[in-house]
């Protein structure tokens, strides 16, 4: 049925959108950490520790 295919496509789109939001969030967090590191607020070790937390 066309309706079911359309609904299936919408569900796939929403799953993809959720994944992209996660990716965008990770990138934004890494950028913030890099800014803090580059400005001297975080040491390289602190940056590495915080970065590791993001990927766990």
PDB file of N, CA and C in Angstrom:
ATOM      1  N   UNK A   1       0.837  -1.188   0.000  1.00  0.00           N
ATOM      2  CA  UNK A   1       0.000   0.000   0.000  1.00  0.00           C
ATOM      3  C   UNK A   1       0.882   1.252   0.000  1.00  0.00           C
ATOM      4  N   UNK A   2       0.504   2.242  -0.753  1.00  0.00           N
ATOM      5  CA  UNK A   2       1.291   3.475  -0.810  1.00  0.00           C
ATOM      6  C   UNK A   2       1.424   4.142   0.564  1.00  0.00           C
ATOM      7  N   UNK A   3       0.361   4.077   1.362  1.00  0.00           N
ATOM      8  CA  UNK A   3       0.396   4.711   2.679  1.00  0.00           C
ATOM      9  C   UNK A   3       1.478   4.085   3.554  1.00  0.00           C
ATOM     10  N   UNK A   4       1.568   2.761   3.542  1.00  0.00           N
ATOM     11  CA  UNK A   4       2.562   2.068   4.367  1.00  0.00           C
ATOM     12  C   UNK A   4       3.983   2.396   3.909  1.00  0.00           C
ATOM     13  N   UNK A   5       4.179   2.469   2.608  1.00  0.00           N
ATOM     14  CA  UNK A   5       5.508   2.831   2.108  1.00  0.00           C
ATOM     15  C   UNK A   5       5.872   4.243   2.539  1.00  0.00           C
ATOM     16  N   UNK A   6       4.900   5.139   2.489  1.00  0.00           N
ATOM     17  CA  UNK A   6       5.136   6.515   2.895  1.00  0.00           C
ATOM     18  C   UNK A   6       5.468   6.581   4.381  1.00  0.00           C
ATOM     19  N   UNK A   7       4.724   5.850   5.186  1.00  0.00           N
ATOM     20  CA  UNK A   7       4.966   5.821   6.625  1.00  0.00           C
ATOM     21  C   UNK A   7       6.337   5.227   6.928  1.00  0.00           C
ATOM     22  N   UNK A   8       6.708   4.203   6.200  1.00  0.00           N
ATOM     23  CA  UNK A   8       8.019   3.583   6.369  1.00  0.00           C
ATOM     24  C   UNK A   8       9.128   4.582   6.028  1.00  0.00           C
ATOM     25  N   UNK A   9       8.934   5.332   4.974  1.00  0.00           N
ATOM     26  CA  UNK A   9       9.909   6.345   4.582  1.00  0.00           C
ATOM     27  C   UNK A   9      10.046   7.437   5.630  1.00  0.00           C
ATOM     28  N   UNK A  10       8.948   7.828   6.215  1.00  0.00           N
ATOM     29  CA  UNK A  10       8.972   8.846   7.271  1.00  0.00           C
ATOM     30  C   UNK A  10       9.734   8.322   8.482  1.00  0.00           C
ATOM     31  N   UNK A  11       9.500   7.076   8.832  1.00  0.00           N
ATOM     32  CA  UNK A  11      10.209   6.485   9.974  1.00  0.00           C
ATOM     33  C   UNK A  11      11.713   6.417   9.708  1.00  0.00           C
ATOM     34  N   UNK A  12      12.075   6.013   8.500  1.00  0.00           N
ATOM     35  CA  UNK A  12      13.499   5.970   8.150  1.00  0.00           C
ATOM     36  C   UNK A  12      14.116   7.360   8.231  1.00  0.00           C
ATOM     37  N   UNK A  13      13.392   8.350   7.748  1.00  0.00           N
ATOM     38  CA  UNK A  13      13.870   9.726   7.793  1.00  0.00           C
ATOM     39  C   UNK A  13      14.090  10.181   9.235  1.00  0.00           C
ATOM     40  N   UNK A  14      13.160   9.867  10.124  1.00  0.00           N
ATOM     41  CA  UNK A  14      13.291  10.265  11.526  1.00  0.00           C
ATOM     42  C   UNK A  14      14.473   9.578  12.201  1.00  0.00           C
ATOM     43  N   UNK A  15      14.708   8.305  11.875  1.00  0.00           N
ATOM     44  CA  UNK A  15      15.873   7.606  12.433  1.00  0.00           C
ATOM     45  C   UNK A  15      17.161   8.266  11.953  1.00  0.00           C
ATOM     46  N   UNK A  16      17.208   8.597  10.674  1.00  0.00           N
ATOM     47  CA  UNK A  16      18.380   9.270  10.118  1.00  0.00           C
ATOM     48  C   UNK A  16      18.579  10.640  10.764  1.00  0.00           C
ATOM     49  N   UNK A  17      17.494  11.360  10.946  1.00  0.00           N
ATOM     50  CA  UNK A  17      17.563  12.678  11.569  1.00  0.00           C
ATOM     51  C   UNK A  17      18.108  12.583  12.993  1.00  0.00           C
ATOM     52  N   UNK A  18      17.664  11.575  13.745  1.00  0.00           N
ATOM     53  CA  UNK A  18      18.179  11.389  15.108  1.00  0.00           C
ATOM     54  C   UNK A  18      19.679  11.127  15.082  1.00  0.00           C
ATOM     55  N   UNK A  19      20.124  10.313  14.140  1.00  0.00           N
ATOM     56  CA  UNK A  19      21.562  10.032  14.035  1.00  0.00           C
ATOM     57  C   UNK A  19      22.350  11.300  13.722  1.00  0.00           C
ATOM     58  N   UNK A  20      21.835  12.100  12.797  1.00  0.00           N
ATOM     59  CA  UNK A  20      22.540  13.327  12.441  1.00  0.00           C
ATOM     60  C   UNK A  20      22.588  14.282  13.616  1.00  0.00           C
ATOM     61  N   UNK A  21      21.515  14.339  14.405  1.00  0.00           N
ATOM     62  CA  UNK A  21      21.523  15.211  15.583  1.00  0.00           C
ATOM     63  C   UNK A  21      22.607  14.781  16.557  1.00  0.00           C
ATOM     64  N   UNK A  22      22.785  13.483  16.722  1.00  0.00           N
ATOM     65  CA  UNK A  22      23.833  12.970  17.602  1.00  0.00           C
ATOM     66  C   UNK A  22      25.201  13.381  17.072  1.00  0.00           C
ATOM     67  N   UNK A  23      25.399  13.231  15.771  1.00  0.00           N
ATOM     68  CA  UNK A  23      26.684  13.600  15.161  1.00  0.00           C
ATOM     69  C   UNK A  23      26.944  15.091  15.336  1.00  0.00           C
ATOM     70  N   UNK A  24      25.947  15.896  15.082  1.00  0.00           N
ATOM     71  CA  UNK A  24      26.092  17.349  15.212  1.00  0.00           C
ATOM     72  C   UNK A  24      26.402  17.725  16.652  1.00  0.00           C
ATOM     73  N   UNK A  25      25.751  17.061  17.616  1.00  0.00           N
ATOM     74  CA  UNK A  25      26.008  17.327  19.028  1.00  0.00           C
ATOM     75  C   UNK A  25      27.448  16.977  19.395  1.00  0.00           C
ATOM     76  N   UNK A  26      27.927  15.846  18.925  1.00  0.00           N
ATOM     77  CA  UNK A  26      29.306  15.431  19.212  1.00  0.00           C
ATOM     78  C   UNK A  26      30.293  16.440  18.632  1.00  0.00           C
ATOM     79  N   UNK A  27      30.071  16.854  17.419  1.00  0.00           N
ATOM     80  CA  UNK A  27      30.966  17.830  16.781  1.00  0.00           C
ATOM     81  C   UNK A  27      30.965  19.143  17.563  1.00  0.00           C
ATOM     82  N   UNK A  28      29.799  19.603  17.975  1.00  0.00           N
ATOM     83  CA  UNK A  28      29.709  20.854  18.732  1.00  0.00           C
ATOM     84  C   UNK A  28      30.442  20.741  20.066  1.00  0.00           C
ATOM     85  N   UNK A  29      30.292  19.614  20.741  1.00  0.00           N
ATOM     86  CA  UNK A  29      30.983  19.417  22.016  1.00  0.00           C
ATOM     87  C   UNK A  29      32.497  19.399  21.820  1.00  0.00           C
ATOM     88  N   UNK A  30      32.952  18.732  20.771  1.00  0.00           N
ATOM     89  CA  UNK A  30      34.393  18.695  20.491  1.00  0.00           C
ATOM     90  C   UNK A  30      34.932  20.086  20.158  1.00  0.00           C
ATOM     91  N   UNK A  31      34.157  20.849  19.406  1.00  0.00           N
ATOM     92  CA  UNK A  31      34.582  22.211  19.070  1.00  0.00           C
ATOM     93  C   UNK A  31      34.703  23.072  20.322  1.00  0.00           C
ATOM     94  N   UNK A  32      33.729  22.932  21.251  1.00  0.00           N
ATOM     95  CA  UNK A  32      33.795  23.693  22.501  1.00  0.00           C
ATOM     96  C   UNK A  32      35.017  23.301  23.320  1.00  0.00           C
ATOM     97  N   UNK A  33      35.266  21.997  23.404  1.00  0.00           N
ATOM     98  CA  UNK A  33      36.446  21.539  24.137  1.00  0.00           C
ATOM     99  C   UNK A  33      37.730  22.071  23.504  1.00  0.00           C
ATOM    100  N   UNK A  34      37.801  22.040  22.184  1.00  0.00           N
ATOM    101  CA  UNK A  34      38.991  22.536  21.487  1.00  0.00           C
ATOM    102  C   UNK A  34      39.188  24.027  21.745  1.00  0.00           C
ATOM    103  N   UNK A  35      38.099  24.769  21.781  1.00  0.00           N
ATOM    104  CA  UNK A  35      38.186  26.200  22.073  1.00  0.00           C
ATOM    105  C   UNK A  35      38.726  26.427  23.478  1.00  0.00           C
ATOM    106  N   UNK A  36      38.230  25.646  24.435  1.00  0.00           N
ATOM    107  CA  UNK A  36      38.721  25.764  25.811  1.00  0.00           C
ATOM    108  C   UNK A  36      40.198  25.393  25.905  1.00  0.00           C
ATOM    109  N   UNK A  37      40.582  24.358  25.187  1.00  0.00           N
ATOM    110  CA  UNK A  37      41.992  23.949  25.171  1.00  0.00           C
ATOM    111  C   UNK A  37      42.857  25.036  24.536  1.00  0.00           C
ATOM    112  N   UNK A  38      42.417  25.527  23.395  1.00  0.00           N
ATOM    113  CA  UNK A  38      43.199  26.530  22.665  1.00  0.00           C
ATOM    114  C   UNK A  38      43.327  27.845  23.435  1.00  0.00           C
ATOM    115  N   UNK A  39      42.328  28.152  24.268  1.00  0.00           N
ATOM    116  CA  UNK A  39      42.388  29.393  25.048  1.00  0.00           C
ATOM    117  C   UNK A  39      43.117  29.202  26.374  1.00  0.00           C
ATOM    118  N   UNK A  40      43.556  27.978  26.651  1.00  0.00           N
ATOM    119  CA  UNK A  40      44.329  27.724  27.860  1.00  0.00           C
ATOM    120  C   UNK A  40      43.512  27.336  29.074  1.00  0.00           C
ATOM    121  N   UNK A  41      42.204  27.249  28.929  1.00  0.00           N
ATOM    122  CA  UNK A  41      41.344  26.865  30.054  1.00  0.00           C
ATOM    123  C   UNK A  41      41.545  25.392  30.396  1.00  0.00           C
ATOM    124  N   UNK A  42      41.710  24.559  29.379  1.00  0.00           N
ATOM    125  CA  UNK A  42      41.958  23.128  29.578  1.00  0.00           C
ATOM    126  C   UNK A  42      43.384  22.790  29.156  1.00  0.00           C
ATOM    127  N   UNK A  43      44.002  21.896  29.904  1.00  0.00           N
ATOM    128  CA  UNK A  43      45.301  21.373  29.472  1.00  0.00           C
ATOM    129  C   UNK A  43      45.051  20.314  28.402  1.00  0.00           C
ATOM    130  N   UNK A  44      46.106  19.903  27.753  1.00  0.00           N
ATOM    131  CA  UNK A  44      45.979  18.850  26.737  1.00  0.00           C
ATOM    132  C   UNK A  44      45.453  17.558  27.369  1.00  0.00           C
ATOM    133  N   UNK A  45      45.895  17.269  28.588  1.00  0.00           N
ATOM    134  CA  UNK A  45      45.440  16.063  29.284  1.00  0.00           C
ATOM    135  C   UNK A  45      43.953  16.153  29.629  1.00  0.00           C
ATOM    136  N   UNK A  46      43.513  17.315  30.100  1.00  0.00           N
ATOM    137  CA  UNK A  46      42.092  17.508  30.419  1.00  0.00           C
ATOM    138  C   UNK A  46      41.248  17.401  29.153  1.00  0.00           C
ATOM    139  N   UNK A  47      41.760  17.998  28.090  1.00  0.00           N
ATOM    140  CA  UNK A  47      41.057  17.915  26.809  1.00  0.00           C
ATOM    141  C   UNK A  47      40.899  16.460  26.378  1.00  0.00           C
ATOM    142  N   UNK A  48      41.983  15.690  26.454  1.00  0.00           N
ATOM    143  CA  UNK A  48      41.939  14.282  26.048  1.00  0.00           C
ATOM    144  C   UNK A  48      40.968  13.489  26.917  1.00  0.00           C
ATOM    145  N   UNK A  49      40.953  13.772  28.223  1.00  0.00           N
ATOM    146  CA  UNK A  49      40.048  13.057  29.127  1.00  0.00           C
ATOM    147  C   UNK A  49      38.590  13.379  28.814  1.00  0.00           C
ATOM    148  N   UNK A  50      38.298  14.651  28.583  1.00  0.00           N
ATOM    149  CA  UNK A  50      36.922  15.048  28.265  1.00  0.00           C
ATOM    150  C   UNK A  50      36.493  14.502  26.904  1.00  0.00           C
ATOM    151  N   UNK A  51      37.410  14.505  25.960  1.00  0.00           N
ATOM    152  CA  UNK A  51      37.114  13.965  24.626  1.00  0.00           C
ATOM    153  C   UNK A  51      36.800  12.476  24.724  1.00  0.00           C
ATOM    154  N   UNK A  52      37.545  11.762  25.549  1.00  0.00           N
ATOM    155  CA  UNK A  52      37.297  10.327  25.724  1.00  0.00           C
ATOM    156  C   UNK A  52      35.907  10.079  26.298  1.00  0.00           C
ATOM    157  N   UNK A  53      35.449  10.952  27.189  1.00  0.00           N
ATOM    158  CA  UNK A  53      34.105  10.807  27.772  1.00  0.00           C
ATOM    159  C   UNK A  53      33.021  10.919  26.699  1.00  0.00           C
ATOM    160  N   UNK A  54      33.250  11.769  25.728  1.00  0.00           N
ATOM    161  CA  UNK A  54      32.259  11.971  24.664  1.00  0.00           C
ATOM    162  C   UNK A  54      32.062  10.689  23.864  1.00  0.00           C
ATOM    163  N   UNK A  55      33.142   9.959  23.648  1.00  0.00           N
ATOM    164  CA  UNK A  55      33.072   8.779  22.791  1.00  0.00           C
ATOM    165  C   UNK A  55      32.742   7.497  23.537  1.00  0.00           C
ATOM    166  N   UNK A  56      32.527   7.584  24.837  1.00  0.00           N
ATOM    167  CA  UNK A  56      32.147   6.383  25.592  1.00  0.00           C
ATOM    168  C   UNK A  56      30.683   6.113  25.525  1.00  0.00           C
TER     169      UNK A  56
END
